[in-house]
Amino acid sequence: MAHGLAACSSGGLSASSDGVYAPGVDTRKEAVDGVEVGHRLIAAGEFELAIKAFTRAALDDGMNAEILSGLGTANLGLGRLGQAEKLLRRATTDYEAWPEIYNNLGVVLMESGQNAEAEQIFRKAYALDDGESTLIRDNLRLALAKTEKSVNVEEENNNYKLVRRGSSDYLIRPAS
């Protein structure tokens, strides 16, 4: 049996006089920085939208390490490890990168099974950070443990998950 839906008013949305329209755009104010928008979208788990925001920021301000890192982190969040690795490597080679970028590159390498290189990248991040970040220290410890296990023991089926801390930092944790 088919049921039809009927509108309460024949006027549609445009006929409403009670002000249910979305607010307009205030063109007098300055727009929010595209990089900041991208970081907020990553924090909200909106990785595709973050990629668009970082891309717009690159068009407005030019490419830099922060934009490449943001694009890499958003791709990491989407599970696009190959793209994330390329972007984060480019951020570390083309620009003066900071420890968090190396940390995120290390996370990508761990996720893709490149444990020995991930260990080296985490060591670099740790050195650049002067050992101050517990996040980087924990990731380095996990990489060291995983590298030692792979040398001494056959490959186990360990599941790891990424835990986001901060706007663009990730921590690798064993899945529970």
Protein backbone atom coordinates (compact mmCIF):
# COMPACT_ATOMS: atom_id res chain seq x y z
CA MET A 1 0.00 0.00 0.00
CA ALA A 2 1.54 3.33 -1.02
CA HIS A 3 1.29 6.40 1.15
CA GLY A 4 1.83 9.91 -0.14
CA LEU A 5 3.34 12.74 1.80
CA ALA A 6 1.58 16.05 1.86
CA ALA A 7 3.04 19.41 2.78
CA CYS A 8 1.28 21.46 5.40
CA SER A 9 1.65 24.57 3.28
CA SER A 10 1.47 24.87 -0.45
CA GLY A 11 3.92 27.75 -0.50
CA GLY A 12 7.15 25.77 -0.01
CA LEU A 13 10.23 27.10 1.75
CA SER A 14 10.37 30.45 0.02
CA ALA A 15 6.90 31.46 1.15
CA SER A 16 7.72 31.34 4.88
CA SER A 17 7.56 34.68 6.64
CA ASP A 18 8.84 33.56 10.05
CA GLY A 19 12.56 34.01 9.27
CA VAL A 20 13.77 30.41 8.99
CA TYR A 21 16.41 31.26 6.42
CA ALA A 22 20.11 30.72 7.01
CA PRO A 23 22.00 33.87 7.95
CA GLY A 24 23.78 35.72 5.20
CA VAL A 25 27.54 36.07 4.79
CA ASP A 26 29.13 39.04 6.53
CA THR A 27 31.53 40.29 3.88
CA ARG A 28 32.83 43.06 6.16
CA LYS A 29 34.76 40.60 8.33
CA GLU A 30 38.01 38.94 7.38
CA ALA A 31 37.78 35.26 6.46
CA VAL A 32 39.24 32.64 8.79
CA ASP A 33 42.65 31.38 7.71
CA GLY A 34 42.33 28.27 5.51
CA VAL A 35 45.04 26.45 7.47
CA GLU A 36 43.14 27.03 10.72
CA VAL A 37 39.95 25.78 9.07
CA GLY A 38 41.82 22.69 7.88
CA HIS A 39 43.11 21.93 11.39
CA ARG A 40 39.62 22.37 12.84
CA LEU A 41 38.18 20.00 10.24
CA ILE A 42 40.84 17.38 11.03
CA ALA A 43 39.96 17.70 14.71
CA ALA A 44 36.32 17.12 13.77
CA GLY A 45 37.20 14.05 11.67
CA GLU A 46 36.19 15.76 8.42
CA PHE A 47 39.27 14.76 6.46
CA GLU A 48 37.94 15.32 2.92
CA LEU A 49 36.82 18.84 3.82
CA ALA A 50 40.18 19.45 5.50
CA ILE A 51 41.96 18.54 2.27
CA LYS A 52 39.83 21.12 0.43
CA ALA A 53 40.57 23.77 3.08
CA PHE A 54 44.33 23.13 2.94
CA THR A 55 44.23 23.18 -0.86
CA ARG A 56 42.46 26.56 -0.82
CA ALA A 57 45.02 27.83 1.69
CA ALA A 58 47.82 26.72 -0.65
CA LEU A 59 46.22 28.63 -3.50
CA ASP A 60 45.92 31.76 -1.35
CA ASP A 61 49.23 31.65 0.53
CA GLY A 62 51.44 29.27 -1.44
CA MET A 63 52.67 25.84 -0.40
CA ASN A 64 54.55 25.47 2.88
CA ALA A 65 55.42 22.80 5.45
CA GLU A 66 52.27 23.36 7.50
CA ILE A 67 49.97 22.95 4.51
CA LEU A 68 51.81 19.84 3.32
CA SER A 69 51.67 18.44 6.84
CA GLY A 70 47.95 19.18 7.07
CA LEU A 71 47.29 17.50 3.72
CA GLY A 72 49.38 14.51 4.80
CA THR A 73 47.61 14.24 8.14
CA ALA A 74 44.18 14.43 6.49
CA ASN A 75 45.17 11.68 4.05
CA LEU A 76 46.47 9.64 7.00
CA GLY A 77 43.07 10.03 8.65
CA LEU A 78 41.44 8.68 5.49
CA GLY A 79 43.81 5.71 5.41
CA ARG A 80 45.56 6.90 2.25
CA LEU A 81 49.00 5.95 3.49
CA GLY A 82 50.82 6.33 0.16
CA GLN A 83 49.57 9.88 -0.38
CA ALA A 84 50.17 10.79 3.25
CA GLU A 85 53.74 9.50 3.06
CA LYS A 86 54.52 11.48 -0.10
CA LEU A 87 53.12 14.70 1.34
CA LEU A 88 54.84 14.35 4.71
CA ARG A 89 58.17 13.42 3.09
CA ARG A 90 57.89 16.48 0.88
CA ALA A 91 57.23 18.62 3.97
CA THR A 92 60.40 17.27 5.59
CA THR A 93 62.64 17.59 2.52
CA ASP A 94 61.43 20.80 0.85
CA TYR A 95 60.96 22.86 4.01
CA GLU A 96 62.36 23.18 7.50
CA ALA A 97 60.10 20.72 9.27
CA TRP A 98 59.34 20.59 12.97
CA PRO A 99 59.15 17.49 15.19
CA GLU A 100 55.40 16.94 14.77
CA ILE A 101 55.78 16.51 11.00
CA TYR A 102 58.45 13.86 11.53
CA ASN A 103 56.23 12.20 14.13
CA ASN A 104 53.32 12.01 11.69
CA LEU A 105 55.62 10.62 8.99
CA GLY A 106 56.76 7.99 11.49
CA VAL A 107 53.14 7.06 12.17
CA VAL A 108 52.51 6.60 8.44
CA LEU A 109 55.60 4.42 8.13
CA MET A 110 54.55 2.28 11.12
CA GLU A 111 51.08 1.87 9.68
CA SER A 112 52.53 0.76 6.34
CA GLY A 113 54.88 -1.77 7.97
CA GLN A 114 58.13 0.14 7.43
CA ASN A 115 59.15 -0.26 11.07
CA ALA A 116 62.92 0.23 10.77
CA GLU A 117 62.57 3.51 8.89
CA ALA A 118 59.77 4.62 11.24
CA GLU A 119 62.15 4.09 14.16
CA GLN A 120 64.74 6.35 12.52
CA ILE A 121 62.14 9.04 11.79
CA PHE A 122 60.86 8.91 15.38
CA ARG A 123 64.47 9.24 16.59
CA LYS A 124 64.86 12.38 14.48
CA ALA A 125 61.58 13.80 15.79
CA TYR A 126 62.66 13.02 19.36
CA ALA A 127 66.03 14.73 18.83
CA LEU A 128 64.46 17.82 17.26
CA ASP A 129 62.01 18.02 20.17
CA ASP A 130 64.80 17.59 22.77
CA GLY A 131 62.82 14.71 24.26
CA GLU A 132 60.10 17.04 25.60
CA SER A 133 57.07 15.47 23.91
CA THR A 134 55.70 12.38 25.61
CA LEU A 135 53.76 11.67 22.42
CA ILE A 136 56.92 11.39 20.34
CA ARG A 137 58.71 9.48 23.10
CA ASP A 138 55.84 6.95 23.31
CA ASN A 139 55.83 6.51 19.54
CA LEU A 140 59.60 5.96 19.54
CA ARG A 141 59.29 3.35 22.30
CA LEU A 142 56.59 1.53 20.36
CA ALA A 143 58.69 1.61 17.18
CA LEU A 144 61.71 0.27 19.06
CA ALA A 145 59.65 -2.52 20.62
CA LYS A 146 58.08 -3.43 17.30
CA THR A 147 61.46 -3.43 15.53
CA GLU A 148 62.99 -5.67 18.22
CA LYS A 149 60.02 -8.05 18.05
CA SER A 150 60.23 -8.33 14.28
CA VAL A 151 63.91 -9.28 14.55
CA ASN A 152 63.48 -11.81 17.38
CA VAL A 153 60.03 -13.27 16.79
CA GLU A 154 57.95 -14.17 13.79
CA GLU A 155 55.47 -11.55 12.72
CA GLU A 156 52.50 -11.47 15.05
CA ASN A 157 49.10 -10.21 14.07
CA ASN A 158 49.15 -7.03 16.16
CA ASN A 159 46.51 -4.45 15.51
CA TYR A 160 47.40 -0.85 16.22
CA LYS A 161 45.26 2.22 16.15
CA LEU A 162 46.06 5.87 15.70
CA VAL A 163 45.07 8.18 18.50
CA ARG A 164 44.90 11.84 17.55
CA ARG A 165 46.34 14.22 20.11
CA GLY A 166 46.42 17.90 19.30
CA SER A 167 45.56 19.32 15.92
CA SER A 168 47.94 17.22 13.85
CA ASP A 169 49.70 14.76 16.14
CA TYR A 170 49.02 11.07 16.18
CA LEU A 171 49.96 8.43 18.73
CA ILE A 172 50.12 4.74 17.85
CA ARG A 173 48.44 2.54 20.46
CA PRO A 174 47.80 -1.19 20.54
CA ALA A 175 44.15 -1.88 19.77
CA SER A 176 42.26 -3.22 22.74
